[in-house]
Amino acid sequence: QVQLVESGGGLVQPGGSLRLSCAASGFPIIDYTMSWYRQAPGKERELVATVGRTDTFTNYADSVKGRYTISRDNVKNTAYLRMNRLKPEDTAVYLCKANNGRLQYWGQGTPVTVSS
């Protein structure tokens, strides 16, 4: 069964950090580009970061550049999103996506709330 399961979200104070994980099962992520998106209440889904099949290619939204780091461990079949210096406007449900140009899979998301 193909599945992406996100974890690591929660409540954090402004300026804090979190690391999100996206564990894949049923397919090898080495064949897929991995991305993190986020969706805040009442807003459209936003692409946050993408990592190519290896860590040599990464891309970030301007709003998170310099604060977030996307990575992957193809052996563990897991992608990660390290988020530093979090701001209240980073509050959203964070979802991961695997894409190989023909197939794409989405996880259910993990909520992140940045509040004091």
C-alpha atoms as a PDB file:
ATOM      1  CA  GLN A   1       0.000   0.000   0.000  1.00  0.00           C
ATOM      2  CA  VAL A   2       1.395   3.364  -1.063  1.00  0.00           C
ATOM      3  CA  GLN A   3       1.477   5.800   1.806  1.00  0.00           C
ATOM      4  CA  LEU A   4       3.099   9.041   2.945  1.00  0.00           C
ATOM      5  CA  VAL A   5       2.860   9.804   6.635  1.00  0.00           C
ATOM      6  CA  GLU A   6       3.931  13.153   8.030  1.00  0.00           C
ATOM      7  CA  SER A   7       4.887  13.688  11.660  1.00  0.00           C
ATOM      8  CA  GLY A   8       6.659  16.186  13.880  1.00  0.00           C
ATOM      9  CA  GLY A   9       4.181  19.034  13.870  1.00  0.00           C
ATOM     10  CA  GLY A  10       2.883  20.733  16.977  1.00  0.00           C
ATOM     11  CA  LEU A  11       2.725  23.961  18.930  1.00  0.00           C
ATOM     12  CA  VAL A  12       5.898  26.049  19.087  1.00  0.00           C
ATOM     13  CA  GLN A  13       6.687  29.565  20.231  1.00  0.00           C
ATOM     14  CA  PRO A  14       7.824  32.227  17.766  1.00  0.00           C
ATOM     15  CA  GLY A  15      11.528  31.843  17.118  1.00  0.00           C
ATOM     16  CA  GLY A  16      11.417  28.128  17.830  1.00  0.00           C
ATOM     17  CA  SER A  17      12.225  25.140  15.648  1.00  0.00           C
ATOM     18  CA  LEU A  18      10.593  21.938  14.476  1.00  0.00           C
ATOM     19  CA  ARG A  19      11.619  19.075  12.270  1.00  0.00           C
ATOM     20  CA  LEU A  20       8.944  17.424  10.173  1.00  0.00           C
ATOM     21  CA  SER A  21       9.276  13.926   8.777  1.00  0.00           C
ATOM     22  CA  CYS A  22       7.560  12.331   5.791  1.00  0.00           C
ATOM     23  CA  ALA A  23       7.844   8.548   5.877  1.00  0.00           C
ATOM     24  CA  ALA A  24       7.025   6.720   2.658  1.00  0.00           C
ATOM     25  CA  SER A  25       5.907   3.128   2.288  1.00  0.00           C
ATOM     26  CA  GLY A  26       4.931   1.033  -0.716  1.00  0.00           C
ATOM     27  CA  PHE A  27       7.319   2.759  -3.114  1.00  0.00           C
ATOM     28  CA  PRO A  28      10.969   3.927  -3.145  1.00  0.00           C
ATOM     29  CA  ILE A  29      11.320   7.705  -2.815  1.00  0.00           C
ATOM     30  CA  ILE A  30      14.667   7.534  -4.620  1.00  0.00           C
ATOM     31  CA  ASP A  31      12.666   7.628  -7.859  1.00  0.00           C
ATOM     32  CA  TYR A  32      10.700  10.700  -6.788  1.00  0.00           C
ATOM     33  CA  THR A  33      11.142  14.408  -6.232  1.00  0.00           C
ATOM     34  CA  MET A  34       9.943  15.211  -2.721  1.00  0.00           C
ATOM     35  CA  SER A  35       8.194  18.439  -1.802  1.00  0.00           C
ATOM     36  CA  TRP A  36       6.645  20.063   1.236  1.00  0.00           C
ATOM     37  CA  TYR A  37       3.544  22.220   0.933  1.00  0.00           C
ATOM     38  CA  ARG A  38       1.538  24.081   3.527  1.00  0.00           C
ATOM     39  CA  GLN A  39      -2.032  25.248   3.751  1.00  0.00           C
ATOM     40  CA  ALA A  40      -3.233  27.803   6.245  1.00  0.00           C
ATOM     41  CA  PRO A  41      -6.931  28.234   7.061  1.00  0.00           C
ATOM     42  CA  GLY A  42      -8.686  30.148   4.294  1.00  0.00           C
ATOM     43  CA  LYS A  43      -5.593  30.205   2.083  1.00  0.00           C
ATOM     44  CA  GLU A  44      -4.435  28.294  -0.953  1.00  0.00           C
ATOM     45  CA  ARG A  45      -1.934  25.497  -0.693  1.00  0.00           C
ATOM     46  CA  GLU A  46       1.603  26.852  -1.000  1.00  0.00           C
ATOM     47  CA  LEU A  47       4.754  25.086  -2.189  1.00  0.00           C
ATOM     48  CA  VAL A  48       7.345  25.492   0.539  1.00  0.00           C
ATOM     49  CA  ALA A  49      10.354  23.433  -0.527  1.00  0.00           C
ATOM     50  CA  THR A  50      11.466  20.787  -3.006  1.00  0.00           C
ATOM     51  CA  VAL A  51      14.384  18.374  -3.076  1.00  0.00           C
ATOM     52  CA  GLY A  52      15.465  16.427  -6.137  1.00  0.00           C
ATOM     53  CA  ARG A  53      16.200  12.723  -6.185  1.00  0.00           C
ATOM     54  CA  THR A  54      19.416  13.474  -4.342  1.00  0.00           C
ATOM     55  CA  ASP A  55      20.158  16.400  -2.033  1.00  0.00           C
ATOM     56  CA  THR A  56      22.052  18.230  -4.769  1.00  0.00           C
ATOM     57  CA  PHE A  57      18.964  20.139  -5.898  1.00  0.00           C
ATOM     58  CA  THR A  58      16.774  22.091  -3.483  1.00  0.00           C
ATOM     59  CA  ASN A  59      14.389  24.980  -3.946  1.00  0.00           C
ATOM     60  CA  TYR A  60      12.505  27.138  -1.451  1.00  0.00           C
ATOM     61  CA  ALA A  61       9.709  29.651  -1.343  1.00  0.00           C
ATOM     62  CA  ASP A  62      11.006  33.152  -0.664  1.00  0.00           C
ATOM     63  CA  SER A  63       9.018  33.263   2.578  1.00  0.00           C
ATOM     64  CA  VAL A  64      11.044  30.411   4.113  1.00  0.00           C
ATOM     65  CA  LYS A  65      14.425  30.779   2.411  1.00  0.00           C
ATOM     66  CA  GLY A  66      17.226  30.831   4.964  1.00  0.00           C
ATOM     67  CA  ARG A  67      14.989  29.415   7.717  1.00  0.00           C
ATOM     68  CA  TYR A  68      13.864  26.048   6.358  1.00  0.00           C
ATOM     69  CA  THR A  69      15.965  23.137   5.127  1.00  0.00           C
ATOM     70  CA  ILE A  70      14.583  20.226   3.139  1.00  0.00           C
ATOM     71  CA  SER A  71      16.461  16.940   3.032  1.00  0.00           C
ATOM     72  CA  ARG A  72      15.938  13.281   2.318  1.00  0.00           C
ATOM     73  CA  ASP A  73      17.242   9.900   3.380  1.00  0.00           C
ATOM     74  CA  ASN A  74      16.646   7.459   0.566  1.00  0.00           C
ATOM     75  CA  VAL A  75      17.755   4.537   2.725  1.00  0.00           C
ATOM     76  CA  LYS A  76      15.170   5.370   5.389  1.00  0.00           C
ATOM     77  CA  ASN A  77      12.683   6.256   2.627  1.00  0.00           C
ATOM     78  CA  THR A  78      11.934   9.501   4.430  1.00  0.00           C
ATOM     79  CA  ALA A  79      12.001  13.208   3.646  1.00  0.00           C
ATOM     80  CA  TYR A  80      12.454  15.950   6.228  1.00  0.00           C
ATOM     81  CA  LEU A  81      11.785  19.623   6.699  1.00  0.00           C
ATOM     82  CA  ARG A  82      13.783  21.452   9.316  1.00  0.00           C
ATOM     83  CA  MET A  83      12.110  24.737  10.264  1.00  0.00           C
ATOM     84  CA  ASN A  84      14.004  27.366  12.256  1.00  0.00           C
ATOM     85  CA  ARG A  85      13.104  30.866  13.478  1.00  0.00           C
ATOM     86  CA  LEU A  86       9.431  30.080  13.123  1.00  0.00           C
ATOM     87  CA  LYS A  87       6.928  32.913  12.816  1.00  0.00           C
ATOM     88  CA  PRO A  88       3.182  33.042  13.510  1.00  0.00           C
ATOM     89  CA  GLU A  89       2.577  33.290   9.760  1.00  0.00           C
ATOM     90  CA  ASP A  90       4.175  29.848   9.361  1.00  0.00           C
ATOM     91  CA  THR A  91       1.117  28.342  11.053  1.00  0.00           C
ATOM     92  CA  ALA A  92      -0.454  25.814   8.665  1.00  0.00           C
ATOM     93  CA  VAL A  93      -0.961  22.153   7.920  1.00  0.00           C
ATOM     94  CA  TYR A  94       2.218  20.878   6.297  1.00  0.00           C
ATOM     95  CA  LEU A  95       1.910  18.160   3.664  1.00  0.00           C
ATOM     96  CA  CYS A  96       4.496  16.234   1.705  1.00  0.00           C
ATOM     97  CA  LYS A  97       4.253  15.119  -1.887  1.00  0.00           C
ATOM     98  CA  ALA A  98       6.196  12.594  -3.946  1.00  0.00           C
ATOM     99  CA  ASN A  99       6.284  13.163  -7.694  1.00  0.00           C
ATOM    100  CA  ASN A 100       8.056  11.352 -10.530  1.00  0.00           C
ATOM    101  CA  GLY A 101       6.385  13.140 -13.426  1.00  0.00           C
ATOM    102  CA  ARG A 102       3.853  10.365 -13.958  1.00  0.00           C
ATOM    103  CA  LEU A 103       2.642   9.576 -10.466  1.00  0.00           C
ATOM    104  CA  GLN A 104       2.245  11.737  -7.410  1.00  0.00           C
ATOM    105  CA  TYR A 105       1.354  10.850  -3.864  1.00  0.00           C
ATOM    106  CA  TRP A 106       0.271  13.085  -0.996  1.00  0.00           C
ATOM    107  CA  GLY A 107       0.312  12.648   2.736  1.00  0.00           C
ATOM    108  CA  GLN A 108      -2.478  13.713   5.066  1.00  0.00           C
ATOM    109  CA  GLY A 109      -0.459  16.497   6.659  1.00  0.00           C
ATOM    110  CA  THR A 110       0.782  17.477  10.089  1.00  0.00           C
ATOM    111  CA  PRO A 111      -0.347  20.716  11.769  1.00  0.00           C
ATOM    112  CA  VAL A 112       2.120  23.367  12.871  1.00  0.00           C
ATOM    113  CA  THR A 113       1.018  26.201  15.133  1.00  0.00           C
ATOM    114  CA  VAL A 114       3.389  29.038  15.957  1.00  0.00           C
ATOM    115  CA  SER A 115       2.038  31.018  18.873  1.00  0.00           C
ATOM    116  CA  SER A 116       3.080  32.416  22.215  1.00  0.00           C
END
